[in-house]
PDB file of N, CA and C in Angstrom:
ATOM      1  N   UNK A   1       6.370   9.917  -6.694  1.00  0.00           N
ATOM      2  CA  UNK A   1       5.580   8.720  -6.477  1.00  0.00           C
ATOM      3  C   UNK A   1       6.353   7.792  -5.537  1.00  0.00           C
ATOM      4  N   UNK A   2       5.593   7.044  -4.754  1.00  0.00           N
ATOM      5  CA  UNK A   2       6.166   6.103  -3.804  1.00  0.00           C
ATOM      6  C   UNK A   2       5.578   4.722  -4.065  1.00  0.00           C
ATOM      7  N   UNK A   3       6.444   3.725  -4.118  1.00  0.00           N
ATOM      8  CA  UNK A   3       6.012   2.335  -4.252  1.00  0.00           C
ATOM      9  C   UNK A   3       6.036   1.698  -2.868  1.00  0.00           C
ATOM     10  N   UNK A   4       5.005   0.913  -2.583  1.00  0.00           N
ATOM     11  CA  UNK A   4       4.878   0.189  -1.318  1.00  0.00           C
ATOM     12  C   UNK A   4       4.626  -1.269  -1.697  1.00  0.00           C
ATOM     13  N   UNK A   5       5.623  -2.111  -1.450  1.00  0.00           N
ATOM     14  CA  UNK A   5       5.557  -3.512  -1.837  1.00  0.00           C
ATOM     15  C   UNK A   5       5.527  -4.371  -0.573  1.00  0.00           C
ATOM     16  N   UNK A   6       4.697  -5.393  -0.582  1.00  0.00           N
ATOM     17  CA  UNK A   6       4.622  -6.323   0.549  1.00  0.00           C
ATOM     18  C   UNK A   6       4.524  -7.739   0.010  1.00  0.00           C
ATOM     19  N   UNK A   7       5.189  -8.655   0.692  1.00  0.00           N
ATOM     20  CA  UNK A   7       5.014 -10.082   0.437  1.00  0.00           C
ATOM     21  C   UNK A   7       4.536 -10.707   1.739  1.00  0.00           C
ATOM     22  N   UNK A   8       3.442 -11.463   1.632  1.00  0.00           N
ATOM     23  CA  UNK A   8       2.881 -12.159   2.783  1.00  0.00           C
ATOM     24  C   UNK A   8       2.998 -13.665   2.602  1.00  0.00           C
ATOM     25  N   UNK A   9       3.259 -14.349   3.688  1.00  0.00           N
ATOM     26  CA  UNK A   9       3.197 -15.806   3.750  1.00  0.00           C
ATOM     27  C   UNK A   9       2.004 -16.127   4.652  1.00  0.00           C
ATOM     28  N   UNK A  10       1.036 -16.857   4.114  1.00  0.00           N
ATOM     29  CA  UNK A  10      -0.141 -17.212   4.897  1.00  0.00           C
ATOM     30  C   UNK A  10       0.201 -18.258   5.952  1.00  0.00           C
ATOM     31  N   UNK A  11      -0.556 -18.254   7.026  1.00  0.00           N
ATOM     32  CA  UNK A  11      -0.368 -19.240   8.090  1.00  0.00           C
ATOM     33  C   UNK A  11      -0.649 -20.641   7.554  1.00  0.00           C
ATOM     34  N   UNK A  12       0.079 -21.614   8.065  1.00  0.00           N
ATOM     35  CA  UNK A  12      -0.119 -23.004   7.648  1.00  0.00           C
ATOM     36  C   UNK A  12      -1.544 -23.472   7.916  1.00  0.00           C
ATOM     37  N   UNK A  13      -2.150 -22.956   8.972  1.00  0.00           N
ATOM     38  CA  UNK A  13      -3.492 -23.423   9.336  1.00  0.00           C
ATOM     39  C   UNK A  13      -4.621 -22.821   8.497  1.00  0.00           C
ATOM     40  N   UNK A  14      -4.298 -21.908   7.582  1.00  0.00           N
ATOM     41  CA  UNK A  14      -5.324 -21.384   6.673  1.00  0.00           C
ATOM     42  C   UNK A  14      -5.732 -22.538   5.762  1.00  0.00           C
ATOM     43  N   UNK A  15      -6.985 -22.961   5.875  1.00  0.00           N
ATOM     44  CA  UNK A  15      -7.434 -24.175   5.178  1.00  0.00           C
ATOM     45  C   UNK A  15      -7.571 -23.987   3.665  1.00  0.00           C
ATOM     46  N   UNK A  16      -8.048 -22.832   3.224  1.00  0.00           N
ATOM     47  CA  UNK A  16      -8.221 -22.579   1.796  1.00  0.00           C
ATOM     48  C   UNK A  16      -7.428 -21.326   1.437  1.00  0.00           C
ATOM     49  N   UNK A  17      -6.159 -21.535   1.140  1.00  0.00           N
ATOM     50  CA  UNK A  17      -5.266 -20.401   0.880  1.00  0.00           C
ATOM     51  C   UNK A  17      -5.682 -19.616  -0.357  1.00  0.00           C
ATOM     52  N   UNK A  18      -6.179 -20.293  -1.379  1.00  0.00           N
ATOM     53  CA  UNK A  18      -6.600 -19.595  -2.601  1.00  0.00           C
ATOM     54  C   UNK A  18      -7.774 -18.667  -2.309  1.00  0.00           C
ATOM     55  N   UNK A  19      -8.743 -19.138  -1.549  1.00  0.00           N
ATOM     56  CA  UNK A  19      -9.904 -18.312  -1.202  1.00  0.00           C
ATOM     57  C   UNK A  19      -9.499 -17.144  -0.313  1.00  0.00           C
ATOM     58  N   UNK A  20      -8.603 -17.386   0.623  1.00  0.00           N
ATOM     59  CA  UNK A  20      -8.129 -16.326   1.512  1.00  0.00           C
ATOM     60  C   UNK A  20      -7.390 -15.257   0.708  1.00  0.00           C
ATOM     61  N   UNK A  21      -6.506 -15.684  -0.190  1.00  0.00           N
ATOM     62  CA  UNK A  21      -5.760 -14.742  -1.021  1.00  0.00           C
ATOM     63  C   UNK A  21      -6.700 -13.930  -1.905  1.00  0.00           C
ATOM     64  N   UNK A  22      -7.716 -14.577  -2.450  1.00  0.00           N
ATOM     65  CA  UNK A  22      -8.691 -13.882  -3.298  1.00  0.00           C
ATOM     66  C   UNK A  22      -9.448 -12.815  -2.500  1.00  0.00           C
ATOM     67  N   UNK A  23      -9.822 -13.142  -1.276  1.00  0.00           N
ATOM     68  CA  UNK A  23     -10.540 -12.195  -0.423  1.00  0.00           C
ATOM     69  C   UNK A  23      -9.666 -10.983  -0.095  1.00  0.00           C
ATOM     70  N   UNK A  24      -8.409 -11.225   0.226  1.00  0.00           N
ATOM     71  CA  UNK A  24      -7.476 -10.131   0.511  1.00  0.00           C
ATOM     72  C   UNK A  24      -7.278  -9.280  -0.738  1.00  0.00           C
ATOM     73  N   UNK A  25      -7.091  -9.917  -1.876  1.00  0.00           N
ATOM     74  CA  UNK A  25      -6.897  -9.215  -3.150  1.00  0.00           C
ATOM     75  C   UNK A  25      -8.069  -8.285  -3.438  1.00  0.00           C
ATOM     76  N   UNK A  26      -9.279  -8.803  -3.386  1.00  0.00           N
ATOM     77  CA  UNK A  26     -10.462  -7.999  -3.698  1.00  0.00           C
ATOM     78  C   UNK A  26     -10.626  -6.832  -2.737  1.00  0.00           C
ATOM     79  N   UNK A  27     -10.373  -7.082  -1.456  1.00  0.00           N
ATOM     80  CA  UNK A  27     -10.540  -6.021  -0.461  1.00  0.00           C
ATOM     81  C   UNK A  27      -9.525  -4.898  -0.675  1.00  0.00           C
ATOM     82  N   UNK A  28      -8.261  -5.254  -0.839  1.00  0.00           N
ATOM     83  CA  UNK A  28      -7.234  -4.223  -0.983  1.00  0.00           C
ATOM     84  C   UNK A  28      -7.333  -3.492  -2.321  1.00  0.00           C
ATOM     85  N   UNK A  29      -7.572  -4.208  -3.400  1.00  0.00           N
ATOM     86  CA  UNK A  29      -7.699  -3.525  -4.690  1.00  0.00           C
ATOM     87  C   UNK A  29      -8.920  -2.612  -4.713  1.00  0.00           C
ATOM     88  N   UNK A  30      -9.903  -2.910  -3.896  1.00  0.00           N
ATOM     89  CA  UNK A  30     -11.090  -2.073  -3.801  1.00  0.00           C
ATOM     90  C   UNK A  30     -10.856  -0.739  -3.118  1.00  0.00           C
ATOM     91  N   UNK A  31      -9.685  -0.544  -2.541  1.00  0.00           N
ATOM     92  CA  UNK A  31      -9.386   0.726  -1.865  1.00  0.00           C
ATOM     93  C   UNK A  31      -9.011   1.849  -2.831  1.00  0.00           C
ATOM     94  N   UNK A  32      -8.628   1.503  -4.049  1.00  0.00           N
ATOM     95  CA  UNK A  32      -8.266   2.531  -5.034  1.00  0.00           C
ATOM     96  C   UNK A  32      -9.499   3.396  -5.308  1.00  0.00           C
ATOM     97  N   UNK A  33      -9.321   4.689  -5.216  1.00  0.00           N
ATOM     98  CA  UNK A  33     -10.428   5.622  -5.413  1.00  0.00           C
ATOM     99  C   UNK A  33     -11.150   5.964  -4.119  1.00  0.00           C
ATOM    100  N   UNK A  34     -10.813   5.257  -3.046  1.00  0.00           N
ATOM    101  CA  UNK A  34     -11.448   5.516  -1.748  1.00  0.00           C
ATOM    102  C   UNK A  34     -10.499   6.166  -0.746  1.00  0.00           C
ATOM    103  N   UNK A  35      -9.198   6.081  -1.027  1.00  0.00           N
ATOM    104  CA  UNK A  35      -8.199   6.672  -0.128  1.00  0.00           C
ATOM    105  C   UNK A  35      -7.353   7.641  -0.939  1.00  0.00           C
ATOM    106  N   UNK A  36      -7.353   8.912  -0.531  1.00  0.00           N
ATOM    107  CA  UNK A  36      -6.586   9.941  -1.238  1.00  0.00           C
ATOM    108  C   UNK A  36      -5.116   9.567  -1.317  1.00  0.00           C
ATOM    109  N   UNK A  37      -4.539   9.733  -2.497  1.00  0.00           N
ATOM    110  CA  UNK A  37      -3.119   9.506  -2.685  1.00  0.00           C
ATOM    111  C   UNK A  37      -2.749   8.094  -3.095  1.00  0.00           C
ATOM    112  N   UNK A  38      -3.671   7.146  -2.970  1.00  0.00           N
ATOM    113  CA  UNK A  38      -3.446   5.775  -3.434  1.00  0.00           C
ATOM    114  C   UNK A  38      -3.825   5.737  -4.908  1.00  0.00           C
ATOM    115  N   UNK A  39      -2.831   5.553  -5.774  1.00  0.00           N
ATOM    116  CA  UNK A  39      -3.106   5.619  -7.211  1.00  0.00           C
ATOM    117  C   UNK A  39      -3.217   4.253  -7.871  1.00  0.00           C
ATOM    118  N   UNK A  40      -2.530   3.250  -7.331  1.00  0.00           N
ATOM    119  CA  UNK A  40      -2.588   1.901  -7.905  1.00  0.00           C
ATOM    120  C   UNK A  40      -2.449   0.864  -6.804  1.00  0.00           C
ATOM    121  N   UNK A  41      -3.129  -0.265  -6.993  1.00  0.00           N
ATOM    122  CA  UNK A  41      -3.013  -1.386  -6.056  1.00  0.00           C
ATOM    123  C   UNK A  41      -3.153  -2.662  -6.866  1.00  0.00           C
ATOM    124  N   UNK A  42      -2.092  -3.459  -6.881  1.00  0.00           N
ATOM    125  CA  UNK A  42      -2.113  -4.730  -7.594  1.00  0.00           C
ATOM    126  C   UNK A  42      -1.728  -5.824  -6.600  1.00  0.00           C
ATOM    127  N   UNK A  43      -2.602  -6.783  -6.428  1.00  0.00           N
ATOM    128  CA  UNK A  43      -2.338  -7.914  -5.551  1.00  0.00           C
ATOM    129  C   UNK A  43      -2.136  -9.138  -6.431  1.00  0.00           C
ATOM    130  N   UNK A  44      -0.986  -9.768  -6.280  1.00  0.00           N
ATOM    131  CA  UNK A  44      -0.647 -10.946  -7.074  1.00  0.00           C
ATOM    132  C   UNK A  44      -0.763 -12.190  -6.198  1.00  0.00           C
ATOM    133  N   UNK A  45      -1.481 -13.185  -6.700  1.00  0.00           N
ATOM    134  CA  UNK A  45      -1.702 -14.404  -5.917  1.00  0.00           C
ATOM    135  C   UNK A  45      -1.239 -15.666  -6.644  1.00  0.00           C
ATOM    136  N   UNK A  46      -0.868 -15.528  -7.895  1.00  0.00           N
ATOM    137  CA  UNK A  46      -0.396 -16.671  -8.684  1.00  0.00           C
ATOM    138  C   UNK A  46       1.112 -16.547  -8.854  1.00  0.00           C
ATOM    139  N   UNK A  47       1.855 -17.471  -8.282  1.00  0.00           N
ATOM    140  CA  UNK A  47       3.313 -17.387  -8.345  1.00  0.00           C
ATOM    141  C   UNK A  47       3.891 -18.715  -8.833  1.00  0.00           C
ATOM    142  N   UNK A  48       5.173 -18.686  -9.142  1.00  0.00           N
ATOM    143  CA  UNK A  48       5.877 -19.907  -9.512  1.00  0.00           C
ATOM    144  C   UNK A  48       6.032 -20.785  -8.267  1.00  0.00           C
ATOM    145  N   UNK A  49       6.118 -22.088  -8.441  1.00  0.00           N
ATOM    146  CA  UNK A  49       6.253 -23.002  -7.296  1.00  0.00           C
ATOM    147  C   UNK A  49       7.450 -22.697  -6.391  1.00  0.00           C
ATOM    148  N   UNK A  50       8.518 -22.133  -6.928  1.00  0.00           N
ATOM    149  CA  UNK A  50       9.706 -21.842  -6.114  1.00  0.00           C
ATOM    150  C   UNK A  50       9.541 -20.610  -5.220  1.00  0.00           C
ATOM    151  N   UNK A  51       8.453 -19.865  -5.385  1.00  0.00           N
ATOM    152  CA  UNK A  51       8.224 -18.666  -4.568  1.00  0.00           C
ATOM    153  C   UNK A  51       8.009 -19.059  -3.117  1.00  0.00           C
ATOM    154  N   UNK A  52       8.483 -18.224  -2.202  1.00  0.00           N
ATOM    155  CA  UNK A  52       8.321 -18.505  -0.782  1.00  0.00           C
ATOM    156  C   UNK A  52       7.190 -17.700  -0.153  1.00  0.00           C
ATOM    157  N   UNK A  53       6.622 -16.760  -0.890  1.00  0.00           N
ATOM    158  CA  UNK A  53       5.477 -15.996  -0.410  1.00  0.00           C
ATOM    159  C   UNK A  53       4.209 -16.463  -1.100  1.00  0.00           C
ATOM    160  N   UNK A  54       3.073 -16.129  -0.493  1.00  0.00           N
ATOM    161  CA  UNK A  54       1.778 -16.518  -1.044  1.00  0.00           C
ATOM    162  C   UNK A  54       1.060 -15.375  -1.753  1.00  0.00           C
ATOM    163  N   UNK A  55       1.293 -14.142  -1.292  1.00  0.00           N
ATOM    164  CA  UNK A  55       0.603 -12.968  -1.824  1.00  0.00           C
ATOM    165  C   UNK A  55       1.615 -11.831  -1.919  1.00  0.00           C
ATOM    166  N   UNK A  56       1.559 -11.076  -3.019  1.00  0.00           N
ATOM    167  CA  UNK A  56       2.403  -9.896  -3.150  1.00  0.00           C
ATOM    168  C   UNK A  56       1.533  -8.681  -3.449  1.00  0.00           C
ATOM    169  N   UNK A  57       1.794  -7.606  -2.742  1.00  0.00           N
ATOM    170  CA  UNK A  57       1.103  -6.348  -2.982  1.00  0.00           C
ATOM    171  C   UNK A  57       2.084  -5.375  -3.634  1.00  0.00           C
ATOM    172  N   UNK A  58       1.657  -4.775  -4.726  1.00  0.00           N
ATOM    173  CA  UNK A  58       2.432  -3.757  -5.441  1.00  0.00           C
ATOM    174  C   UNK A  58       1.530  -2.535  -5.527  1.00  0.00           C
ATOM    175  N   UNK A  59       1.823  -1.526  -4.705  1.00  0.00           N
ATOM    176  CA  UNK A  59       0.957  -0.344  -4.664  1.00  0.00           C
ATOM    177  C   UNK A  59       1.765   0.920  -4.915  1.00  0.00           C
ATOM    178  N   UNK A  60       1.068   1.949  -5.403  1.00  0.00           N
ATOM    179  CA  UNK A  60       1.699   3.225  -5.729  1.00  0.00           C
ATOM    180  C   UNK A  60       0.930   4.356  -5.051  1.00  0.00           C
ATOM    181  N   UNK A  61       1.698   5.285  -4.493  1.00  0.00           N
ATOM    182  CA  UNK A  61       1.124   6.436  -3.793  1.00  0.00           C
ATOM    183  C   UNK A  61       1.728   7.717  -4.351  1.00  0.00           C
ATOM    184  N   UNK A  62       0.992   8.803  -4.225  1.00  0.00           N
ATOM    185  CA  UNK A  62       1.459  10.094  -4.722  1.00  0.00           C
ATOM    186  C   UNK A  62       2.683  10.598  -3.976  1.00  0.00           C
ATOM    187  N   UNK A  63       2.820  10.220  -2.694  1.00  0.00           N
ATOM    188  CA  UNK A  63       3.914  10.732  -1.868  1.00  0.00           C
ATOM    189  C   UNK A  63       4.087   9.847  -0.636  1.00  0.00           C
ATOM    190  N   UNK A  64       5.181  10.087   0.094  1.00  0.00           N
ATOM    191  CA  UNK A  64       5.398   9.377   1.357  1.00  0.00           C
ATOM    192  C   UNK A  64       4.298   9.740   2.352  1.00  0.00           C
ATOM    193  N   UNK A  65       3.839  10.976   2.313  1.00  0.00           N
ATOM    194  CA  UNK A  65       2.748  11.395   3.194  1.00  0.00           C
ATOM    195  C   UNK A  65       1.456  10.626   2.869  1.00  0.00           C
ATOM    196  N   UNK A  66       1.190  10.417   1.586  1.00  0.00           N
ATOM    197  CA  UNK A  66       0.002   9.657   1.184  1.00  0.00           C
ATOM    198  C   UNK A  66       0.093   8.215   1.676  1.00  0.00           C
ATOM    199  N   UNK A  67       1.282   7.621   1.619  1.00  0.00           N
ATOM    200  CA  UNK A  67       1.478   6.268   2.147  1.00  0.00           C
ATOM    201  C   UNK A  67       1.230   6.238   3.646  1.00  0.00           C
ATOM    202  N   UNK A  68       1.752   7.208   4.350  1.00  0.00           N
ATOM    203  CA  UNK A  68       1.547   7.291   5.799  1.00  0.00           C
ATOM    204  C   UNK A  68       0.062   7.430   6.135  1.00  0.00           C
ATOM    205  N   UNK A  69      -0.655   8.258   5.378  1.00  0.00           N
ATOM    206  CA  UNK A  69      -2.091   8.437   5.613  1.00  0.00           C
ATOM    207  C   UNK A  69      -2.864   7.151   5.315  1.00  0.00           C
ATOM    208  N   UNK A  70      -2.464   6.426   4.273  1.00  0.00           N
ATOM    209  CA  UNK A  70      -3.088   5.142   3.922  1.00  0.00           C
ATOM    210  C   UNK A  70      -2.942   4.145   5.068  1.00  0.00           C
ATOM    211  N   UNK A  71      -1.754   4.091   5.648  1.00  0.00           N
ATOM    212  CA  UNK A  71      -1.478   3.092   6.671  1.00  0.00           C
ATOM    213  C   UNK A  71      -2.353   3.256   7.904  1.00  0.00           C
ATOM    214  N   UNK A  72      -2.833   4.462   8.167  1.00  0.00           N
ATOM    215  CA  UNK A  72      -3.708   4.666   9.326  1.00  0.00           C
ATOM    216  C   UNK A  72      -5.156   4.975   8.937  1.00  0.00           C
ATOM    217  N   UNK A  73      -5.459   4.928   7.645  1.00  0.00           N
ATOM    218  CA  UNK A  73      -6.821   5.188   7.177  1.00  0.00           C
ATOM    219  C   UNK A  73      -7.751   4.077   7.671  1.00  0.00           C
ATOM    220  N   UNK A  74      -8.932   4.416   8.181  1.00  0.00           N
ATOM    221  CA  UNK A  74      -9.851   3.412   8.736  1.00  0.00           C
ATOM    222  C   UNK A  74     -10.224   2.284   7.766  1.00  0.00           C
ATOM    223  N   UNK A  75     -10.368   2.576   6.478  1.00  0.00           N
ATOM    224  CA  UNK A  75     -10.708   1.517   5.524  1.00  0.00           C
ATOM    225  C   UNK A  75      -9.565   0.510   5.393  1.00  0.00           C
ATOM    226  N   UNK A  76      -8.330   1.005   5.363  1.00  0.00           N
ATOM    227  CA  UNK A  76      -7.166   0.118   5.299  1.00  0.00           C
ATOM    228  C   UNK A  76      -7.014  -0.664   6.597  1.00  0.00           C
ATOM    229  N   UNK A  77      -7.135   0.006   7.722  1.00  0.00           N
ATOM    230  CA  UNK A  77      -6.973  -0.644   9.026  1.00  0.00           C
ATOM    231  C   UNK A  77      -7.998  -1.762   9.192  1.00  0.00           C
ATOM    232  N   UNK A  78      -9.222  -1.538   8.744  1.00  0.00           N
ATOM    233  CA  UNK A  78     -10.267  -2.563   8.831  1.00  0.00           C
ATOM    234  C   UNK A  78      -9.873  -3.825   8.056  1.00  0.00           C
ATOM    235  N   UNK A  79      -9.342  -3.655   6.859  1.00  0.00           N
ATOM    236  CA  UNK A  79      -8.923  -4.808   6.055  1.00  0.00           C
ATOM    237  C   UNK A  79      -7.693  -5.465   6.668  1.00  0.00           C
ATOM    238  N   UNK A  80      -6.736  -4.660   7.091  1.00  0.00           N
ATOM    239  CA  UNK A  80      -5.509  -5.201   7.684  1.00  0.00           C
ATOM    240  C   UNK A  80      -5.822  -6.025   8.928  1.00  0.00           C
ATOM    241  N   UNK A  81      -6.673  -5.494   9.790  1.00  0.00           N
ATOM    242  CA  UNK A  81      -6.996  -6.191  11.038  1.00  0.00           C
ATOM    243  C   UNK A  81      -7.997  -7.326  10.859  1.00  0.00           C
ATOM    244  N   UNK A  82      -8.864  -7.217   9.859  1.00  0.00           N
ATOM    245  CA  UNK A  82      -9.914  -8.210   9.689  1.00  0.00           C
ATOM    246  C   UNK A  82      -9.597  -9.332   8.722  1.00  0.00           C
ATOM    247  N   UNK A  83      -8.791  -9.043   7.686  1.00  0.00           N
ATOM    248  CA  UNK A  83      -8.550 -10.047   6.649  1.00  0.00           C
ATOM    249  C   UNK A  83      -7.084 -10.457   6.535  1.00  0.00           C
ATOM    250  N   UNK A  84      -6.177  -9.518   6.733  1.00  0.00           N
ATOM    251  CA  UNK A  84      -4.763  -9.816   6.502  1.00  0.00           C
ATOM    252  C   UNK A  84      -4.102 -10.391   7.758  1.00  0.00           C
ATOM    253  N   UNK A  85      -3.997  -9.613   8.808  1.00  0.00           N
ATOM    254  CA  UNK A  85      -3.236 -10.039   9.993  1.00  0.00           C
ATOM    255  C   UNK A  85      -3.696 -11.366  10.591  1.00  0.00           C
ATOM    256  N   UNK A  86      -4.996 -11.659  10.650  1.00  0.00           N
ATOM    257  CA  UNK A  86      -5.402 -12.940  11.224  1.00  0.00           C
ATOM    258  C   UNK A  86      -4.942 -14.164  10.414  1.00  0.00           C
ATOM    259  N   UNK A  87      -4.613 -13.966   9.148  1.00  0.00           N
ATOM    260  CA  UNK A  87      -4.264 -15.077   8.264  1.00  0.00           C
ATOM    261  C   UNK A  87      -2.798 -15.129   7.850  1.00  0.00           C
ATOM    262  N   UNK A  88      -2.021 -14.135   8.242  1.00  0.00           N
ATOM    263  CA  UNK A  88      -0.639 -14.019   7.772  1.00  0.00           C
ATOM    264  C   UNK A  88       0.340 -14.391   8.876  1.00  0.00           C
ATOM    265  N   UNK A  89       1.321 -15.188   8.470  1.00  0.00           N
ATOM    266  CA  UNK A  89       2.388 -15.599   9.382  1.00  0.00           C
ATOM    267  C   UNK A  89       3.588 -14.659   9.269  1.00  0.00           C
ATOM    268  N   UNK A  90       3.941 -14.300   8.028  1.00  0.00           N
ATOM    269  CA  UNK A  90       5.137 -13.492   7.772  1.00  0.00           C
ATOM    270  C   UNK A  90       4.795 -12.352   6.823  1.00  0.00           C
ATOM    271  N   UNK A  91       5.388 -11.187   7.103  1.00  0.00           N
ATOM    272  CA  UNK A  91       5.188  -9.998   6.259  1.00  0.00           C
ATOM    273  C   UNK A  91       6.525  -9.334   6.037  1.00  0.00           C
ATOM    274  N   UNK A  92       6.855  -9.107   4.778  1.00  0.00           N
ATOM    275  CA  UNK A  92       8.028  -8.346   4.399  1.00  0.00           C
ATOM    276  C   UNK A  92       7.577  -7.150   3.584  1.00  0.00           C
ATOM    277  N   UNK A  93       8.182  -5.990   3.830  1.00  0.00           N
ATOM    278  CA  UNK A  93       7.798  -4.808   3.070  1.00  0.00           C
ATOM    279  C   UNK A  93       9.020  -4.096   2.526  1.00  0.00           C
ATOM    280  N   UNK A  94       8.796  -3.331   1.462  1.00  0.00           N
ATOM    281  CA  UNK A  94       9.860  -2.540   0.848  1.00  0.00           C
ATOM    282  C   UNK A  94       9.195  -1.316   0.234  1.00  0.00           C
ATOM    283  N   UNK A  95       9.584  -0.138   0.689  1.00  0.00           N
ATOM    284  CA  UNK A  95       9.048   1.127   0.188  1.00  0.00           C
ATOM    285  C   UNK A  95      10.191   1.904  -0.469  1.00  0.00           C
ATOM    286  N   UNK A  96       9.871   2.571  -1.581  1.00  0.00           N
ATOM    287  CA  UNK A  96      10.891   3.385  -2.244  1.00  0.00           C
ATOM    288  C   UNK A  96      10.218   4.464  -3.091  1.00  0.00           C
ATOM    289  N   UNK A  97      11.011   5.498  -3.377  1.00  0.00           N
ATOM    290  CA  UNK A  97      10.521   6.605  -4.191  1.00  0.00           C
ATOM    291  C   UNK A  97      10.911   6.381  -5.644  1.00  0.00           C
ATOM    292  N   UNK A  98       9.969   6.652  -6.548  1.00  0.00           N
ATOM    293  CA  UNK A  98      10.252   6.534  -7.974  1.00  0.00           C
ATOM    294  C   UNK A  98      10.429   7.930  -8.554  1.00  0.00           C
ATOM    295  N   UNK A  99      10.954   7.980  -9.745  1.00  0.00           N
ATOM    296  CA  UNK A  99      11.184   9.281 -10.377  1.00  0.00           C
ATOM    297  C   UNK A  99      10.241   9.481 -11.519  1.00  0.00           C
TER     298      UNK A  99
END
């Protein structure tokens, strides 16, 4: 199994950050069952005030190959280009294999 974690910081000019985060959450969590090898997708939007990110993605894939296929899958690309990238200022990612 492979974990794919991302933390996003929304752009300052996003007027309704809660609504934007909710839209991203619903879109990405909706990919489970639609992309082979994606087994779990959890988007967290409620954080402690000291957090420096606005949204965290915690996803699980069957393999590194499944993660690679997800990253170029048309359903993922549509959400990334339409909902995430236009609203995000900073993106940090961390991928690792679990046992």
